Amino acid sequence: MRKIIQLACLGIILLLLSCNIDSQSNEFNPLVLLSKYGSSSLTVHATYNGDPATDGSGKMYVYLFDELGTTSRDPIYKESTDAAVTIGEEVAIKVDHIRDGNYYVLVFYDYKGGDNNDNQTDRYVLYGLSGNTAFTSVASTYSVAGDTVLNGVSFGNMYKLQAQSRYLSTACSLAVEATYTGTAKDTGTGQDVRVPVLYPGAGHPAAGRAHLYRVN
C-alpha cells in the first residue's frame, strides 16, 4: 500500500513538473522555477531620498536580470520590502534562492500605482561599476555567490521609468541654435533669455521634437 501511495505521489509531482500553467509566462512554469532555484542570496542596502509615493505602495523592490532589455519587466529574481519605506532611511532587501552568477541589479521605489509593481514615473536606479546609474549603456552586472551583499545604493527623483516601464538608455546632449524674432524683453541684464526643451522619446505625443520657450 505504501508503494502505491509513493508511486501516486511521484506521478503527481511529474505531472506538475511537466505542465505549463501559463504558456505566456515562465512565472508559473514549475520546470522554469526549478531551473532558477539556487542556494545563494543577495542583500541590497538601499536608501530612497525622493518624493513620497502618490498612489503607489511606497515599497522598495529589487529585481535581478541575466540580460538587461529595454524594460524592467520579467526579472529572474525579485523581492521587496514588506511595507512602505521611510524616506531617507536605509533598508535591507534580501533576495533568496539565487543561482550563482552575474546579474543586473535594479532597485526601484513604487511611486506610482498601476497594474504592475513597476510603472511609469517609478523612481529607479541600476547598479554600475562606476556608480549607480539610470542608463542601460553603463549598467554592470553584479556577481552573486553565497551570501552576497550590495551596499551603497541611494537614489531619489532623478531617474524615472518611462512609458511601459522602459529604462533610459544613454545620456546625450543637444546643441540648439535658434533665432527669436518676436518682441524683445528687458530681463534686467540686457539679454533676451531663451530655453530649449527637448521632449522625451517613447510614449510622448511630442516625441523627437524640440521647442523653444522664451523666458520673460
Protein backbone atom coordinates (compact mmCIF):
# COMPACT_ATOMS: atom_id res chain seq x y z
CA MET A 1 0.00 0.00 0.00
CA ARG A 2 2.85 2.37 0.88
CA LYS A 3 4.47 1.74 -2.51
CA ILE A 4 1.22 2.54 -4.30
CA ILE A 5 0.91 5.84 -2.42
CA GLN A 6 4.55 6.69 -3.17
CA LEU A 7 4.06 5.95 -6.88
CA ALA A 8 0.90 8.06 -6.93
CA CYS A 9 2.73 10.98 -5.30
CA LEU A 10 5.61 10.63 -7.76
CA GLY A 11 3.15 10.67 -10.65
CA ILE A 12 1.54 13.88 -9.37
CA ILE A 13 4.95 15.54 -8.98
CA LEU A 14 5.99 14.57 -12.51
CA LEU A 15 2.70 15.87 -13.86
CA LEU A 16 3.19 19.21 -12.14
CA LEU A 17 6.74 19.49 -13.42
CA SER A 18 5.69 18.78 -16.99
CA CYS A 19 2.77 21.20 -17.15
CA ASN A 20 2.84 24.83 -18.10
CA ILE A 21 0.03 26.71 -16.36
CA ASP A 22 0.57 29.89 -18.32
CA SER A 23 2.18 29.48 -21.75
CA GLN A 24 2.77 33.25 -21.95
CA SER A 25 4.77 33.46 -18.73
CA ASN A 26 7.53 31.47 -17.07
CA GLU A 27 6.44 32.61 -13.62
CA PHE A 28 4.12 29.61 -13.12
CA ASN A 29 6.11 27.03 -15.06
CA PRO A 30 7.46 24.53 -12.47
CA LEU A 31 10.34 23.48 -14.71
CA VAL A 32 11.47 27.08 -15.10
CA LEU A 33 11.08 27.75 -11.38
CA LEU A 34 13.17 24.66 -10.59
CA SER A 35 15.90 25.72 -13.01
CA LYS A 36 16.18 29.13 -11.31
CA TYR A 37 16.34 27.78 -7.77
CA GLY A 38 19.71 28.21 -6.07
CA SER A 39 21.31 28.36 -2.65
CA SER A 40 22.84 31.86 -2.75
CA SER A 41 21.37 35.19 -1.72
CA LEU A 42 21.82 38.90 -2.34
CA THR A 43 21.12 41.53 0.31
CA VAL A 44 20.80 45.05 -1.09
CA HIS A 45 21.19 48.01 1.27
CA ALA A 46 19.34 50.91 -0.32
CA THR A 47 18.06 54.37 0.56
CA TYR A 48 15.36 56.34 -1.24
CA ASN A 49 15.61 60.13 -0.91
CA GLY A 50 12.90 61.31 -3.30
CA ASP A 51 9.29 62.42 -3.05
CA PRO A 52 6.75 60.21 -1.27
CA ALA A 53 4.53 57.93 -3.36
CA THR A 54 1.41 59.35 -4.98
CA ASP A 55 -0.84 56.30 -5.28
CA GLY A 56 1.92 53.69 -5.25
CA SER A 57 2.65 51.37 -2.33
CA GLY A 58 5.84 53.16 -1.28
CA LYS A 59 7.64 49.81 -1.17
CA MET A 60 11.15 49.33 -2.50
CA TYR A 61 11.83 46.49 -4.93
CA VAL A 62 14.94 44.64 -6.07
CA TYR A 63 14.87 42.92 -9.48
CA LEU A 64 17.67 40.74 -10.89
CA PHE A 65 18.17 40.10 -14.62
CA ASP A 66 20.62 37.92 -16.53
CA GLU A 67 20.12 40.19 -19.55
CA LEU A 68 19.12 43.83 -19.44
CA GLY A 69 16.45 44.54 -22.01
CA THR A 70 14.59 47.76 -22.70
CA THR A 71 12.10 47.47 -19.84
CA SER A 72 12.05 46.43 -16.19
CA ARG A 73 9.66 43.54 -16.77
CA ASP A 74 10.30 39.79 -16.31
CA PRO A 75 13.12 39.65 -13.76
CA ILE A 76 14.66 36.28 -12.92
CA TYR A 77 14.55 37.04 -9.20
CA LYS A 78 12.72 39.73 -7.25
CA GLU A 79 11.97 40.80 -3.72
CA SER A 80 10.52 43.82 -1.92
CA THR A 81 10.11 45.37 1.47
CA ASP A 82 7.08 44.21 3.42
CA ALA A 83 5.71 47.75 3.73
CA ALA A 84 6.34 51.31 2.58
CA VAL A 85 9.86 52.52 3.31
CA THR A 86 10.73 55.63 5.29
CA ILE A 87 12.24 58.26 3.00
CA GLY A 88 15.90 58.83 3.77
CA GLU A 89 16.19 55.65 5.85
CA GLU A 90 18.29 52.72 4.64
CA VAL A 91 16.58 49.35 4.24
CA ALA A 92 17.97 45.88 3.61
CA ILE A 93 16.21 43.76 0.97
CA LYS A 94 17.29 40.12 0.77
CA VAL A 95 16.69 38.04 -2.33
CA ASP A 96 16.99 34.31 -1.54
CA HIS A 97 17.40 31.11 -3.56
CA ILE A 98 19.60 32.61 -6.29
CA ARG A 99 21.79 30.52 -8.54
CA ASP A 100 25.42 31.67 -8.54
CA GLY A 101 26.09 34.05 -11.41
CA ASN A 102 26.30 37.64 -12.62
CA TYR A 103 23.14 39.71 -12.61
CA TYR A 104 22.00 43.22 -13.46
CA VAL A 105 20.51 44.77 -10.33
CA LEU A 106 17.52 47.12 -10.50
CA VAL A 107 16.24 48.88 -7.39
CA PHE A 108 13.07 50.94 -7.65
CA TYR A 109 10.59 52.77 -5.44
CA ASP A 110 6.89 52.16 -6.07
CA TYR A 111 5.95 55.80 -6.57
CA LYS A 112 3.03 55.28 -8.96
CA GLY A 113 0.29 52.67 -8.73
CA GLY A 114 -0.89 50.55 -11.66
CA ASP A 115 -1.37 47.04 -12.98
CA ASN A 116 2.26 46.16 -12.25
CA ASN A 117 4.70 46.85 -9.44
CA ASP A 118 6.92 48.78 -11.86
CA ASN A 119 5.08 51.64 -13.55
CA GLN A 120 5.81 54.86 -15.40
CA THR A 121 7.37 57.53 -13.11
CA ASP A 122 8.51 54.95 -10.53
CA ARG A 123 11.92 56.08 -9.28
CA TYR A 124 14.73 53.65 -10.06
CA VAL A 125 18.45 53.01 -10.22
CA LEU A 126 20.66 50.36 -11.85
CA TYR A 127 23.94 49.04 -10.50
CA GLY A 128 27.05 50.25 -12.33
CA LEU A 129 30.77 49.69 -11.74
CA SER A 130 31.36 53.45 -11.77
CA GLY A 131 28.36 54.12 -9.54
CA ASN A 132 24.60 53.75 -9.59
CA THR A 133 23.07 54.85 -12.87
CA ALA A 134 19.82 55.15 -14.80
CA PHE A 135 21.34 54.24 -18.15
CA THR A 136 21.45 50.70 -19.51
CA SER A 137 24.51 51.57 -21.59
CA VAL A 138 26.68 51.87 -18.47
CA ALA A 139 24.92 49.40 -16.17
CA SER A 140 27.04 46.47 -14.97
CA THR A 141 26.38 43.00 -13.63
CA TYR A 142 26.99 42.10 -10.01
CA SER A 143 28.43 38.74 -9.01
CA VAL A 144 26.33 36.64 -6.64
CA ALA A 145 27.86 33.62 -4.90
CA GLY A 146 26.95 32.51 -1.40
CA ASP A 147 25.59 35.19 0.93
CA THR A 148 26.38 38.31 -1.12
CA VAL A 149 25.87 41.93 -0.04
CA LEU A 150 25.49 45.08 -2.16
CA ASN A 151 25.93 48.31 -0.19
CA GLY A 152 25.56 51.98 -1.01
CA VAL A 153 22.50 52.05 -3.27
CA SER A 154 20.97 55.50 -2.98
CA PHE A 155 18.56 57.28 -5.33
CA GLY A 156 15.82 59.89 -5.50
CA ASN A 157 13.65 61.66 -8.07
CA MET A 158 16.25 62.00 -10.83
CA TYR A 159 15.67 58.69 -12.63
CA LYS A 160 12.12 57.64 -13.56
CA LEU A 161 10.79 54.70 -15.51
CA GLN A 162 9.32 55.80 -18.82
CA ALA A 163 6.13 54.65 -20.54
CA GLN A 164 5.68 50.85 -20.49
CA SER A 165 8.34 50.68 -17.74
CA ARG A 166 11.19 51.50 -20.11
CA TYR A 167 14.65 52.45 -18.88
CA LEU A 168 16.70 55.38 -20.03
CA SER A 169 19.31 54.02 -22.44
CA THR A 170 22.10 56.56 -22.54
CA ALA A 171 22.93 60.15 -21.65
CA CYS A 172 23.31 62.62 -24.51
CA SER A 173 23.42 66.33 -25.21
CA LEU A 174 21.87 68.53 -27.89
CA ALA A 175 23.07 71.92 -29.06
CA VAL A 176 20.28 74.12 -30.42
CA GLU A 177 20.88 77.26 -32.48
CA ALA A 178 17.77 79.43 -32.76
CA THR A 179 16.73 82.98 -33.55
CA TYR A 180 13.88 84.73 -31.73
CA THR A 181 12.01 87.20 -33.96
CA GLY A 182 9.38 88.44 -31.51
CA THR A 183 9.33 91.50 -29.27
CA ALA A 184 12.43 91.92 -27.14
CA LYS A 185 12.00 91.81 -23.37
CA ASP A 186 14.34 93.54 -20.96
CA THR A 187 15.23 90.95 -18.30
CA GLY A 188 17.26 93.40 -16.27
CA THR A 189 20.53 92.12 -17.68
CA GLY A 190 20.11 93.46 -21.17
CA GLN A 191 19.69 89.95 -22.55
CA ASP A 192 16.79 88.07 -24.02
CA VAL A 193 16.77 84.56 -22.50
CA ARG A 194 15.57 81.52 -24.46
CA VAL A 195 15.39 77.98 -23.10
CA PRO A 196 15.35 74.90 -25.38
CA VAL A 197 13.17 71.99 -24.25
CA LEU A 198 13.63 68.55 -25.81
CA TYR A 199 10.69 66.20 -25.32
CA PRO A 200 11.40 62.56 -24.45
CA GLY A 201 11.06 59.74 -26.91
CA ALA A 202 8.79 56.74 -26.44
CA GLY A 203 5.31 57.44 -25.21
CA HIS A 204 5.29 61.25 -25.51
CA PRO A 205 2.95 62.95 -28.02
CA ALA A 206 5.73 65.37 -28.99
CA ALA A 207 8.41 62.68 -29.23
CA GLY A 208 11.56 63.74 -31.04
CA ARG A 209 10.64 67.44 -31.34
CA ALA A 210 12.40 70.36 -29.68
CA HIS A 211 10.53 73.52 -28.68
CA LEU A 212 11.89 76.91 -27.65
CA TYR A 213 10.28 78.86 -24.84
CA ARG A 214 11.05 82.49 -24.20
CA VAL A 215 11.56 83.37 -20.54
CA ASN A 216 10.06 86.75 -19.58
